[in-house]
Amino acid sequence: MLVNLNQVLPGAREQKKGIGLFNTLNTEMARGVIQAAEEKNSPVIVGTAQVLLPFTPLEVIADMLIPMADRAGVPVVVHFDHGLDRNECIRALQLGFTSVMYDCSTAPYDENMDRVKEMASIAHAYNATIEAELGHVGNNDNDQDPSSYYTDPIQAKEYAEYTGIDALAIAVGTAHGAYKFPPKLDFARIEKIASLMDTPLVLHGGSGLSDEDFKKAIRAGISKVNIFTDINGAYAKAAERELKMGHTVGTEMMNGLTEAVKAETEKKLTLFGW
Protein backbone atom coordinates (compact mmCIF):
# COMPACT_ATOMS: atom_id res chain seq x y z
CA MET A 1 0.00 0.00 0.00
CA LEU A 2 1.54 3.27 -1.15
CA VAL A 3 1.41 5.96 1.56
CA ASN A 4 3.21 9.11 2.70
CA LEU A 5 5.02 9.92 5.96
CA ASN A 6 1.92 11.38 7.63
CA GLN A 7 0.19 8.02 7.35
CA VAL A 8 2.88 6.16 9.30
CA LEU A 9 5.09 8.42 11.43
CA PRO A 10 2.52 9.85 13.90
CA GLY A 11 1.46 6.34 14.89
CA ALA A 12 5.06 5.23 15.29
CA ARG A 13 5.76 8.26 17.48
CA GLU A 14 2.79 7.44 19.70
CA GLN A 15 3.82 3.79 20.01
CA LYS A 16 7.50 4.63 20.62
CA LYS A 17 8.53 2.67 17.55
CA GLY A 18 10.84 3.58 14.69
CA ILE A 19 10.13 3.28 11.00
CA GLY A 20 13.12 2.47 8.83
CA LEU A 21 14.06 4.20 5.62
CA PHE A 22 16.11 1.80 3.53
CA ASN A 23 17.59 3.28 0.36
CA THR A 24 17.44 0.71 -2.44
CA LEU A 25 19.26 0.67 -5.76
CA ASN A 26 17.88 -2.41 -7.53
CA THR A 27 15.18 -5.08 -7.39
CA GLU A 28 17.15 -7.39 -5.09
CA MET A 29 17.47 -4.66 -2.45
CA ALA A 30 13.87 -3.51 -2.86
CA ARG A 31 12.45 -7.02 -2.67
CA GLY A 32 14.52 -7.81 0.40
CA VAL A 33 13.37 -4.70 2.26
CA ILE A 34 9.69 -5.02 1.39
CA GLN A 35 9.61 -8.77 2.10
CA ALA A 36 11.16 -8.14 5.51
CA ALA A 37 8.57 -5.45 6.29
CA GLU A 38 5.75 -7.76 5.27
CA GLU A 39 7.04 -10.58 7.47
CA LYS A 40 7.43 -8.20 10.44
CA ASN A 41 4.09 -6.50 9.65
CA SER A 42 5.92 -3.19 9.77
CA PRO A 43 5.41 -0.02 7.77
CA VAL A 44 8.55 0.79 5.84
CA ILE A 45 10.11 3.58 3.80
CA VAL A 46 12.05 2.80 0.62
CA GLY A 47 13.71 5.14 -1.79
CA THR A 48 16.95 6.65 -2.94
CA ALA A 49 19.09 9.71 -2.28
CA GLN A 50 20.38 12.31 -4.69
CA VAL A 51 23.95 11.15 -4.10
CA LEU A 52 22.93 7.66 -5.29
CA LEU A 53 21.43 8.75 -8.62
CA PRO A 54 24.66 8.11 -10.58
CA PHE A 55 24.18 4.41 -9.73
CA THR A 56 20.44 4.17 -10.49
CA PRO A 57 18.59 7.06 -12.18
CA LEU A 58 15.54 8.55 -10.50
CA GLU A 59 13.17 7.40 -13.26
CA VAL A 60 14.36 3.80 -12.90
CA ILE A 61 13.87 3.87 -9.13
CA ALA A 62 10.39 5.35 -9.53
CA ASP A 63 9.35 2.74 -12.11
CA MET A 64 10.60 -0.01 -9.81
CA LEU A 65 9.53 1.11 -6.35
CA ILE A 66 6.14 2.75 -6.84
CA PRO A 67 4.37 -0.35 -8.25
CA MET A 68 6.10 -2.57 -5.65
CA ALA A 69 4.95 -0.27 -2.85
CA ASP A 70 1.42 -0.15 -4.22
CA ARG A 71 1.18 -3.96 -4.21
CA ALA A 72 2.84 -4.47 -0.81
CA GLY A 73 0.89 -5.94 2.08
CA VAL A 74 2.11 -3.22 4.46
CA PRO A 75 2.24 0.60 4.19
CA VAL A 76 5.23 1.66 2.09
CA VAL A 77 6.45 5.25 1.65
CA VAL A 78 8.55 5.97 -1.46
CA HIS A 79 10.95 8.69 -0.38
CA PHE A 80 13.60 10.84 -2.10
CA ASP A 81 16.29 11.31 0.52
CA HIS A 82 18.74 14.20 0.84
CA GLY A 83 17.49 16.11 -2.16
CA LEU A 84 20.06 18.87 -2.49
CA ASP A 85 18.56 20.42 -5.59
CA ARG A 86 15.09 21.98 -5.77
CA ASN A 87 14.47 20.69 -9.28
CA GLU A 88 15.41 17.12 -8.37
CA CYS A 89 12.91 17.16 -5.50
CA ILE A 90 10.18 18.43 -7.82
CA ARG A 91 11.09 15.79 -10.40
CA ALA A 92 10.74 13.09 -7.74
CA LEU A 93 7.27 14.39 -6.88
CA GLN A 94 6.30 14.45 -10.56
CA LEU A 95 7.44 10.83 -10.90
CA GLY A 96 5.15 9.77 -8.04
CA PHE A 97 7.39 9.72 -4.96
CA THR A 98 5.16 10.18 -1.92
CA SER A 99 7.78 11.96 0.15
CA VAL A 100 10.88 14.08 -0.34
CA MET A 101 13.63 15.36 1.90
CA TYR A 102 14.84 18.80 0.87
CA ASP A 103 18.23 19.16 2.51
CA CYS A 104 19.16 22.82 2.97
CA SER A 105 21.05 22.14 6.21
CA THR A 106 24.30 23.76 5.06
CA ALA A 107 22.54 27.02 4.15
CA PRO A 108 22.13 29.89 6.65
CA TYR A 109 19.19 29.36 9.02
CA ASP A 110 16.83 31.91 7.44
CA GLU A 111 17.58 30.70 3.92
CA ASN A 112 17.10 27.08 5.01
CA MET A 113 13.67 27.95 6.41
CA ASP A 114 12.49 29.90 3.39
CA ARG A 115 13.60 27.32 0.84
CA VAL A 116 12.06 24.45 2.79
CA LYS A 117 8.81 26.36 3.35
CA GLU A 118 8.42 26.76 -0.40
CA MET A 119 9.16 23.08 -1.02
CA ALA A 120 6.67 22.06 1.67
CA SER A 121 3.94 23.91 -0.21
CA ILE A 122 4.92 22.17 -3.45
CA ALA A 123 5.09 18.70 -1.87
CA HIS A 124 1.74 19.10 -0.14
CA ALA A 125 0.16 20.09 -3.47
CA TYR A 126 1.16 16.61 -4.70
CA ASN A 127 -0.37 15.04 -1.56
CA ALA A 128 3.19 14.14 -0.62
CA THR A 129 5.15 14.81 2.56
CA ILE A 130 8.40 16.63 3.21
CA GLU A 131 11.32 16.08 5.56
CA ALA A 132 14.01 18.67 6.25
CA GLU A 133 17.18 18.89 8.30
CA LEU A 134 18.21 21.40 10.95
CA GLY A 135 21.72 21.30 12.30
CA HIS A 136 23.90 19.20 10.03
CA VAL A 137 24.56 15.46 9.96
CA GLY A 138 28.04 15.25 8.47
CA ASN A 139 30.11 12.47 6.97
CA ASN A 140 32.59 10.09 8.57
CA ASP A 141 35.32 11.17 6.16
CA ASN A 142 36.41 14.17 8.21
CA ASP A 143 37.56 14.83 11.75
CA GLN A 144 35.27 17.74 12.61
CA ASP A 145 33.57 17.78 15.99
CA PRO A 146 29.92 16.88 15.23
CA SER A 147 28.68 18.75 18.30
CA SER A 148 29.37 22.04 16.53
CA TYR A 149 26.48 21.21 14.18
CA TYR A 150 23.97 19.88 16.73
CA THR A 151 20.33 20.92 16.39
CA ASP A 152 19.18 23.66 18.76
CA PRO A 153 15.86 22.61 20.40
CA ILE A 154 14.30 26.08 20.43
CA GLN A 155 15.25 26.66 16.79
CA ALA A 156 13.81 23.24 15.91
CA LYS A 157 10.36 24.21 17.20
CA GLU A 158 10.41 27.54 15.39
CA TYR A 159 11.69 25.91 12.20
CA ALA A 160 8.98 23.22 12.12
CA GLU A 161 6.20 25.71 12.75
CA TYR A 162 7.42 28.17 10.11
CA THR A 163 8.12 25.66 7.34
CA GLY A 164 5.17 23.29 7.79
CA ILE A 165 7.36 20.20 7.40
CA ASP A 166 6.13 16.69 8.18
CA ALA A 167 9.38 15.31 9.65
CA LEU A 168 12.62 16.83 10.94
CA ALA A 169 16.06 15.26 10.75
CA ILE A 170 18.13 16.37 13.71
CA ALA A 171 21.87 16.37 14.35
CA VAL A 172 22.63 14.65 17.66
CA GLY A 173 25.94 12.87 17.09
CA THR A 174 25.44 10.57 14.11
CA ALA A 175 27.19 10.78 10.74
CA HIS A 176 26.74 9.33 7.28
CA GLY A 177 28.73 6.30 6.14
CA ALA A 178 30.80 3.81 8.13
CA TYR A 179 31.91 5.00 11.57
CA LYS A 180 35.62 5.25 12.34
CA PHE A 181 34.87 5.40 16.07
CA PRO A 182 31.71 4.56 18.05
CA PRO A 183 29.40 7.60 17.95
CA LYS A 184 28.15 9.28 21.12
CA LEU A 185 24.53 10.31 20.75
CA ASP A 186 23.03 13.20 22.70
CA PHE A 187 19.88 11.45 23.93
CA ALA A 188 18.94 14.33 26.21
CA ARG A 189 18.85 16.62 23.18
CA ILE A 190 16.52 14.21 21.36
CA GLU A 191 14.19 14.16 24.39
CA LYS A 192 14.22 17.95 24.65
CA ILE A 193 13.40 18.50 20.98
CA ALA A 194 10.65 15.84 21.06
CA SER A 195 9.10 17.49 24.13
CA LEU A 196 8.80 20.85 22.37
CA MET A 197 7.15 19.79 19.11
CA ASP A 198 4.75 17.32 17.54
CA THR A 199 6.70 16.95 14.30
CA PRO A 200 8.20 13.42 14.09
CA LEU A 201 11.98 13.32 14.43
CA VAL A 202 14.42 11.55 12.13
CA LEU A 203 17.82 10.00 12.84
CA HIS A 204 20.21 9.96 9.88
CA GLY A 205 23.45 7.99 9.87
CA GLY A 206 21.87 4.95 11.52
CA SER A 207 24.13 2.28 10.03
CA GLY A 208 26.81 1.30 12.54
CA LEU A 209 25.02 2.36 15.72
CA SER A 210 24.79 -0.17 18.54
CA ASP A 211 21.54 -1.99 19.23
CA GLU A 212 21.15 -0.04 22.46
CA ASP A 213 21.73 3.26 20.64
CA PHE A 214 18.80 2.53 18.36
CA LYS A 215 16.52 1.55 21.22
CA LYS A 216 17.44 4.55 23.36
CA ALA A 217 17.07 6.98 20.46
CA ILE A 218 13.58 5.71 19.68
CA ARG A 219 12.56 5.81 23.33
CA ALA A 220 13.86 9.39 23.47
CA GLY A 221 11.67 10.48 20.56
CA ILE A 222 13.03 9.33 17.18
CA SER A 223 10.33 8.05 14.83
CA LYS A 224 12.25 7.47 11.57
CA VAL A 225 15.70 5.91 11.19
CA ASN A 226 17.71 6.02 7.96
CA ILE A 227 19.70 2.95 6.92
CA PHE A 228 21.78 2.36 3.83
CA THR A 229 25.36 1.38 4.63
CA ASP A 230 24.34 -1.76 6.55
CA ILE A 231 22.13 -3.21 3.81
CA ASN A 232 24.60 -2.11 1.14
CA GLY A 233 27.33 -3.99 3.00
CA ALA A 234 25.13 -7.06 3.49
CA TYR A 235 24.46 -7.08 -0.25
CA ALA A 236 28.17 -6.92 -1.10
CA LYS A 237 29.10 -9.67 1.37
CA ALA A 238 26.35 -11.87 -0.05
CA ALA A 239 27.74 -11.35 -3.56
CA GLU A 240 31.16 -12.44 -2.33
CA ARG A 241 29.64 -15.57 -0.74
CA GLU A 242 27.75 -16.39 -3.91
CA LEU A 243 30.94 -16.20 -5.98
CA LYS A 244 32.77 -18.47 -3.52
CA MET A 245 29.90 -20.96 -3.88
CA GLY A 246 30.57 -21.07 -7.61
CA HIS A 247 27.57 -18.95 -8.59
CA THR A 248 29.02 -16.91 -11.41
CA VAL A 249 25.91 -15.63 -13.23
CA GLY A 250 23.27 -13.20 -12.05
CA THR A 251 20.38 -15.66 -12.02
CA GLU A 252 22.27 -17.90 -9.59
CA MET A 253 23.02 -14.98 -7.25
CA MET A 254 19.79 -12.96 -7.17
CA ASN A 255 17.91 -14.92 -4.51
CA GLY A 256 20.91 -14.95 -2.19
CA LEU A 257 21.35 -11.21 -2.53
CA THR A 258 17.68 -10.59 -1.79
CA GLU A 259 17.77 -12.85 1.26
CA ALA A 260 20.84 -11.08 2.65
CA VAL A 261 19.16 -7.67 2.42
CA LYS A 262 15.96 -9.12 3.87
CA ALA A 263 17.81 -10.60 6.87
CA GLU A 264 19.62 -7.33 7.62
CA THR A 265 16.38 -5.37 7.29
CA GLU A 266 14.56 -7.74 9.66
CA LYS A 267 17.29 -7.20 12.27
CA LYS A 268 16.77 -3.46 12.08
CA LEU A 269 12.98 -3.66 12.16
CA THR A 270 13.17 -5.79 15.29
CA LEU A 271 15.40 -3.18 16.95
CA PHE A 272 12.94 -0.47 15.92
CA GLY A 273 10.18 -2.22 17.86
CA TRP A 274 8.39 -4.33 15.23
Foldseek 3Di string as FASTA:
>chain_A
DEDACVVAQLVLLVVLFAAEEEEDADDLLLLLQLVLCLVVVHEYEYEHEPVCCVRPNLLRRLVPNPVVQVPGPHYYAYEYEADADPVVQLVNLVSPHQEYEHEPQVPPLVVQLVVLLVVQVVSVVSVHAYEYEHFDAAAQPDDDDSVVRFHDLVSLLVSCVSRVHQEYETRFWAHADEHPDATDGDLVRLLSNQVRDSRAYEYERPPPHDLVVLSSNSNSGHHYYYDYNVLVVLLVVQVVVCVVVVNDDDVSRSVSSSNSSNVSSNVVNVSSPD
